Every structure is written in structure tokens, then in C-alpha cells.
Amino acid sequence: MQSALPYGANSLSDFSDIDNWIFDLDNTLYPRHIDLFKQMEVKMSDYVSRLLDISEEDATTLRKGYYKQHGTTLRGLMIEHNIHPDDFLEYVHDIDHSGVVPDPSLAEAICALPGKRYIYTNGTHKHAVKVAERLGITEYFDDIFDIVWAGLDPKPNRPPYEKLLAQTGLNPQRAAMFEDLARNLKVPFDMGMKTVLVVPDRTREVFHESWEAKGSEAPHVGYVTENLGHFLWDMLDAIGRKPG
């Protein structure tokens, strides 16, 4: 059993009591460099531009502000412009998913996790299914919780996390949350979950906003990894659950 691994000050053996695993989708279950979100950004700017009859440049500036302030561009548009969400969600998530390729090693590691596994995303259920299918991990998840399920209330707001606990009945003391944005780990940490930040340090240039790269040393971030699959395999080894 490994006792010291380069993921932070906490020991991976602390995951031995975890039996609920919650994964963010975009830039967490697949590498950030695949950059599906770039496609969504282009479509969001186009949507905002047409909705408000402003230039693409102004639309981009506006949606970035909404994303930072409200958690999602959609939430900002709903609050500031009272839009109906369905058309926005359908349009923005209608993208090319071919950049996501099967990841057999990640799939095997997720399959080996003891207990239940969930995807919790600010995106749509349809988008999550497409990504999971391309990764080859669909069958290993017990459920997918998306932005519509959350009542369009996005992470990092607390109510959807509380709804997640209520619906699954999971004990947060026996749960782990994996995310690519540190701010989305604050509430899970406060609830008692183990928190893991997936941040590719050697490719920070792919962050769309400078504030997204901040927070890896925040007290609510328990572990930091550049590679989710490697982290899971090392953790499984540390808790004695590695297959073979």
C-alpha cells in the first residue's frame, strides 16, 4: 500500500470509507485539452448576440461575466433577461463530440470503485450521455444529474447539492466529489465530502478565464491531480481495491 503520493497533503488511504463517487463531466471525466467547451462558448456568444442584437464581441464579454457571476451563462440570461431555457440548452449543447475518445483505463478504474457512482453536471443529460458513451463509461454510473434536474440552479450554489443528497440518500461523510473548478468544491467540502480538483497544471493555457485556474491550494480542495485516471488507480491501490 502506498502511503505518500503527489496529490496533496492528505493520504489516499483516507478514501477507504468512501462508497459514493460524484464526478463533474466537462473537463473532469475527459481531458480539458479536448475543449468541448470551446464549441459551446462559440454557440453561447452567437445565441447572446442574436438575442440581444449586439456584436459577437460584446456578447462574449457579457456571457463571460454571467458565467463568473451566476455559475452559468444560462443562469445569467434567465436572471437578467428572463429567457426560456429550453432553446438555449438545446442549441448550445448541439456540438461535435468526436474529440472524446474511449478511455478503457479510466473505465476500468471507475468500474472498480466501491459503491455508487454519479455524474453531476451543469450541462444537459443528453450531453452527458454522449460524452459517457464515447468514453465507454456509461454502464458504470448509477445516475446522471444535470442542470434541468437541478432546477436550472447551477454549481456552485448550495441548493442543488442538497437536492443531490436528498435524492440519493448518500452520506456526505462517505462521498467524494471530483471537479475541474475549485469553487464548485466548496459546498461539497462544507458538507463533509472528500474533494478532488482535476487541473492539468502543464496545460494551464487552455483555461478560458484566469479565475478558473485559481483555488488549487484552497482549504476546501483536499487533493489535486493532473490526470483523473492515474489518480483513481493510485487511490484504488492505496485502499487495497485495485483489481488484479
Protein backbone atom coordinates (compact mmCIF):
# COMPACT_ATOMS: atom_id res chain seq x y z
CA MET A 1 0.00 0.00 0.00
CA GLN A 2 1.29 3.42 -0.94
CA SER A 3 1.27 5.99 1.83
CA ALA A 4 2.71 9.08 0.17
CA LEU A 5 1.56 10.20 -3.27
CA PRO A 6 1.88 13.56 -5.05
CA TYR A 7 -1.75 14.69 -4.83
CA GLY A 8 -1.63 16.98 -1.80
CA ALA A 9 -1.11 16.81 1.93
CA ASN A 10 -3.83 14.21 2.56
CA SER A 11 -3.33 10.46 2.30
CA LEU A 12 -5.11 8.49 -0.42
CA SER A 13 -5.83 5.81 2.16
CA ASP A 14 -8.45 8.22 3.57
CA PHE A 15 -10.72 7.12 0.70
CA SER A 16 -11.11 3.67 2.27
CA ASP A 17 -14.52 4.62 3.74
CA ILE A 18 -15.89 6.24 0.57
CA ASP A 19 -18.74 4.44 -1.18
CA ASN A 20 -20.31 7.28 -3.20
CA TRP A 21 -18.38 8.89 -6.06
CA ILE A 22 -19.62 12.08 -7.72
CA PHE A 23 -17.98 13.29 -10.93
CA ASP A 24 -18.35 16.55 -12.77
CA LEU A 25 -18.49 15.99 -16.52
CA ASP A 26 -16.79 18.60 -18.69
CA ASN A 27 -13.01 18.87 -18.27
CA THR A 28 -13.16 16.30 -15.47
CA LEU A 29 -14.15 12.94 -16.95
CA TYR A 30 -12.41 13.84 -20.20
CA PRO A 31 -9.18 15.88 -20.55
CA ARG A 32 -9.57 19.64 -20.74
CA HIS A 33 -7.47 19.85 -23.91
CA ILE A 34 -10.29 18.18 -25.86
CA ASP A 35 -12.03 21.50 -25.27
CA LEU A 36 -15.66 20.73 -25.99
CA PHE A 37 -16.48 23.84 -24.01
CA LYS A 38 -14.88 25.97 -26.71
CA GLN A 39 -17.59 24.84 -29.11
CA MET A 40 -20.23 25.68 -26.52
CA GLU A 41 -18.68 29.11 -25.93
CA VAL A 42 -18.95 29.97 -29.63
CA LYS A 43 -22.59 28.92 -29.68
CA MET A 44 -23.35 30.81 -26.46
CA SER A 45 -21.85 34.00 -27.87
CA ASP A 46 -23.87 33.58 -31.05
CA TYR A 47 -27.05 33.00 -29.05
CA VAL A 48 -26.48 36.06 -26.86
CA SER A 49 -25.58 38.17 -29.89
CA ARG A 50 -28.82 37.27 -31.67
CA LEU A 51 -30.94 37.50 -28.53
CA LEU A 52 -29.80 40.99 -27.57
CA ASP A 53 -28.90 42.25 -31.05
CA ILE A 54 -25.33 43.05 -30.05
CA SER A 55 -21.96 42.28 -31.61
CA GLU A 56 -20.27 38.92 -31.10
CA GLU A 57 -17.51 40.70 -29.18
CA ASP A 58 -19.96 42.34 -26.79
CA ALA A 59 -21.89 39.09 -26.45
CA THR A 60 -18.70 37.25 -25.49
CA THR A 61 -17.86 39.83 -22.84
CA LEU A 62 -21.39 39.64 -21.44
CA ARG A 63 -21.60 35.84 -21.28
CA LYS A 64 -18.20 35.64 -19.58
CA GLY A 65 -19.46 37.98 -16.90
CA TYR A 66 -22.63 35.95 -16.45
CA TYR A 67 -20.62 32.72 -16.21
CA LYS A 68 -18.41 34.12 -13.48
CA GLN A 69 -21.18 35.84 -11.54
CA HIS A 70 -24.02 33.35 -11.85
CA GLY A 71 -22.30 29.98 -12.39
CA THR A 72 -23.57 29.56 -15.95
CA THR A 73 -24.32 31.87 -18.85
CA LEU A 74 -27.85 30.47 -18.89
CA ARG A 75 -28.46 31.44 -15.27
CA GLY A 76 -27.34 34.97 -16.04
CA LEU A 77 -29.62 35.20 -19.06
CA MET A 78 -32.56 33.91 -17.04
CA ILE A 79 -31.97 36.41 -14.23
CA GLU A 80 -31.10 39.41 -16.36
CA HIS A 81 -33.28 38.79 -19.43
CA ASN A 82 -35.92 36.29 -18.35
CA ILE A 83 -35.22 33.88 -21.21
CA HIS A 84 -36.79 30.43 -21.53
CA PRO A 85 -34.00 27.85 -21.10
CA ASP A 86 -35.02 25.05 -23.46
CA ASP A 87 -33.91 26.59 -26.75
CA PHE A 88 -30.64 27.80 -25.22
CA LEU A 89 -29.76 24.38 -23.79
CA GLU A 90 -30.60 22.54 -27.00
CA TYR A 91 -28.65 24.97 -29.19
CA VAL A 92 -25.54 25.26 -27.02
CA HIS A 93 -25.10 21.52 -26.43
CA ASP A 94 -25.59 20.54 -30.09
CA ILE A 95 -21.85 20.14 -30.70
CA ASP A 96 -19.35 17.73 -32.23
CA HIS A 97 -18.40 15.13 -29.58
CA SER A 98 -15.98 13.21 -31.83
CA GLY A 99 -12.94 14.61 -29.97
CA VAL A 100 -13.85 12.46 -26.98
CA VAL A 101 -12.29 9.03 -27.42
CA PRO A 102 -12.70 5.79 -25.46
CA ASP A 103 -10.66 5.59 -22.26
CA PRO A 104 -10.54 1.91 -21.24
CA SER A 105 -8.19 2.56 -18.31
CA LEU A 106 -10.49 5.21 -16.85
CA ALA A 107 -13.49 2.96 -17.41
CA GLU A 108 -11.83 0.08 -15.57
CA ALA A 109 -10.88 2.34 -12.67
CA ILE A 110 -14.41 3.73 -12.35
CA CYS A 111 -15.82 0.21 -12.51
CA ALA A 112 -13.55 -0.79 -9.61
CA LEU A 113 -14.80 1.99 -7.31
CA PRO A 114 -16.76 0.52 -4.41
CA GLY A 115 -20.35 1.70 -4.04
CA LYS A 116 -22.31 4.02 -6.29
CA ARG A 117 -21.11 6.46 -8.94
CA TYR A 118 -22.80 9.56 -10.26
CA ILE A 119 -22.28 12.27 -12.87
CA TYR A 120 -23.33 15.73 -11.70
CA THR A 121 -23.05 18.43 -14.37
CA ASN A 122 -24.11 21.98 -15.14
CA GLY A 123 -24.68 20.69 -18.68
CA THR A 124 -27.58 18.67 -20.05
CA HIS A 125 -28.37 15.00 -19.57
CA LYS A 126 -28.18 14.43 -23.33
CA HIS A 127 -24.72 15.97 -23.49
CA ALA A 128 -23.55 13.88 -20.52
CA VAL A 129 -24.79 10.66 -22.11
CA LYS A 130 -22.98 11.43 -25.37
CA VAL A 131 -19.71 12.07 -23.55
CA ALA A 132 -20.05 8.99 -21.35
CA GLU A 133 -20.85 6.81 -24.36
CA ARG A 134 -17.78 7.99 -26.23
CA LEU A 135 -15.56 7.43 -23.16
CA GLY A 136 -17.03 3.96 -22.72
CA ILE A 137 -18.12 4.55 -19.12
CA THR A 138 -21.93 4.77 -19.36
CA GLU A 139 -22.67 1.39 -17.77
CA TYR A 140 -20.61 2.16 -14.67
CA PHE A 141 -22.75 5.07 -13.45
CA ASP A 142 -25.87 4.75 -11.34
CA ASP A 143 -27.37 8.08 -12.38
CA ILE A 144 -26.74 11.40 -14.10
CA PHE A 145 -27.84 14.69 -12.54
CA ASP A 146 -27.95 17.62 -14.95
CA ILE A 147 -28.83 21.30 -14.94
CA VAL A 148 -32.53 20.65 -15.67
CA TRP A 149 -32.73 18.18 -12.77
CA ALA A 150 -31.16 20.91 -10.59
CA GLY A 151 -33.99 23.29 -11.46
CA LEU A 152 -31.53 25.29 -13.56
CA ASP A 153 -29.71 26.25 -10.35
CA PRO A 154 -26.04 25.60 -11.12
CA LYS A 155 -22.99 24.68 -9.12
CA PRO A 156 -21.51 26.27 -7.02
CA ASN A 157 -24.87 27.19 -5.45
CA ARG A 158 -25.74 25.06 -2.41
CA PRO A 159 -29.39 24.03 -3.10
CA PRO A 160 -28.63 21.57 -5.94
CA TYR A 161 -26.02 19.83 -3.79
CA GLU A 162 -28.63 19.50 -1.05
CA LYS A 163 -31.08 18.09 -3.59
CA LEU A 164 -28.43 15.57 -4.67
CA LEU A 165 -28.03 14.35 -1.08
CA ALA A 166 -31.79 14.19 -0.57
CA GLN A 167 -32.44 12.23 -3.76
CA THR A 168 -29.59 9.73 -3.40
CA GLY A 169 -29.67 9.41 0.38
CA LEU A 170 -25.90 9.32 0.40
CA ASN A 171 -23.90 10.18 3.48
CA PRO A 172 -21.58 13.09 2.57
CA GLN A 173 -19.02 11.74 5.04
CA ARG A 174 -18.76 8.70 2.75
CA ALA A 175 -18.71 10.60 -0.53
CA ALA A 176 -16.08 12.10 -2.83
CA MET A 177 -16.55 14.90 -5.37
CA PHE A 178 -14.35 15.35 -8.45
CA GLU A 179 -14.33 18.75 -10.20
CA ASP A 180 -12.24 20.91 -12.52
CA LEU A 181 -13.26 24.19 -10.82
CA ALA A 182 -12.17 24.77 -7.24
CA ARG A 183 -15.15 26.98 -6.45
CA ASN A 184 -17.50 24.06 -7.15
CA LEU A 185 -15.83 22.04 -4.37
CA LYS A 186 -16.54 24.50 -1.54
CA VAL A 187 -20.06 23.27 -0.76
CA PRO A 188 -19.17 19.55 -1.01
CA PHE A 189 -16.27 20.14 1.39
CA ASP A 190 -18.51 22.01 3.81
CA MET A 191 -20.91 19.08 3.69
CA GLY A 192 -18.13 16.68 4.63
CA MET A 193 -17.15 15.17 1.29
CA LYS A 194 -13.66 14.36 0.10
CA THR A 195 -12.81 16.84 -2.67
CA VAL A 196 -10.56 16.29 -5.68
CA LEU A 197 -9.62 19.03 -8.14
CA VAL A 198 -8.70 17.88 -11.65
CA VAL A 199 -6.38 20.58 -13.02
CA PRO A 200 -3.87 19.99 -15.81
CA ASP A 201 -1.01 22.14 -14.47
CA ARG A 202 1.13 21.69 -17.56
CA THR A 203 -1.65 22.93 -19.85
CA ARG A 204 -2.99 25.93 -17.95
CA GLU A 205 -3.17 27.89 -21.18
CA VAL A 206 -6.37 26.04 -22.03
CA PHE A 207 -8.23 27.70 -19.15
CA HIS A 208 -10.72 30.12 -20.68
CA GLU A 209 -10.62 32.57 -17.79
CA SER A 210 -7.76 33.33 -15.39
CA TRP A 211 -10.03 32.99 -12.36
CA GLU A 212 -10.77 29.36 -13.30
CA ALA A 213 -7.15 28.41 -12.62
CA LYS A 214 -7.27 29.72 -9.07
CA GLY A 215 -8.05 27.82 -5.90
CA SER A 216 -5.98 24.64 -6.08
CA GLU A 217 -4.47 25.45 -2.68
CA ALA A 218 -7.75 26.49 -1.07
CA PRO A 219 -8.58 24.66 2.19
CA HIS A 220 -11.69 23.11 0.62
CA VAL A 221 -9.56 21.31 -2.01
CA GLY A 222 -8.39 18.06 -0.48
CA TYR A 223 -6.49 16.61 -3.44
CA VAL A 224 -5.21 17.91 -6.79
CA THR A 225 -4.42 15.80 -9.84
CA GLU A 226 -3.45 16.38 -13.45
CA ASN A 227 -4.90 13.04 -14.55
CA LEU A 228 -8.15 11.57 -13.22
CA GLY A 229 -7.40 8.03 -14.34
CA HIS A 230 -3.98 7.97 -12.70
CA PHE A 231 -5.44 9.38 -9.51
CA LEU A 232 -8.16 6.74 -9.35
CA TRP A 233 -5.71 3.89 -9.92
CA ASP A 234 -3.34 5.21 -7.25
CA MET A 235 -6.22 5.68 -4.85
CA LEU A 236 -7.58 2.18 -5.52
CA ASP A 237 -4.11 0.80 -4.82
CA ALA A 238 -3.87 2.81 -1.60
CA ILE A 239 -7.18 1.44 -0.28
CA GLY A 240 -6.50 -2.11 -1.42
CA ARG A 241 -9.20 -2.20 -4.12
CA LYS A 242 -7.04 -2.29 -7.23
CA PRO A 243 -8.15 -5.19 -9.48
CA GLY A 244 -5.65 -7.97 -10.07
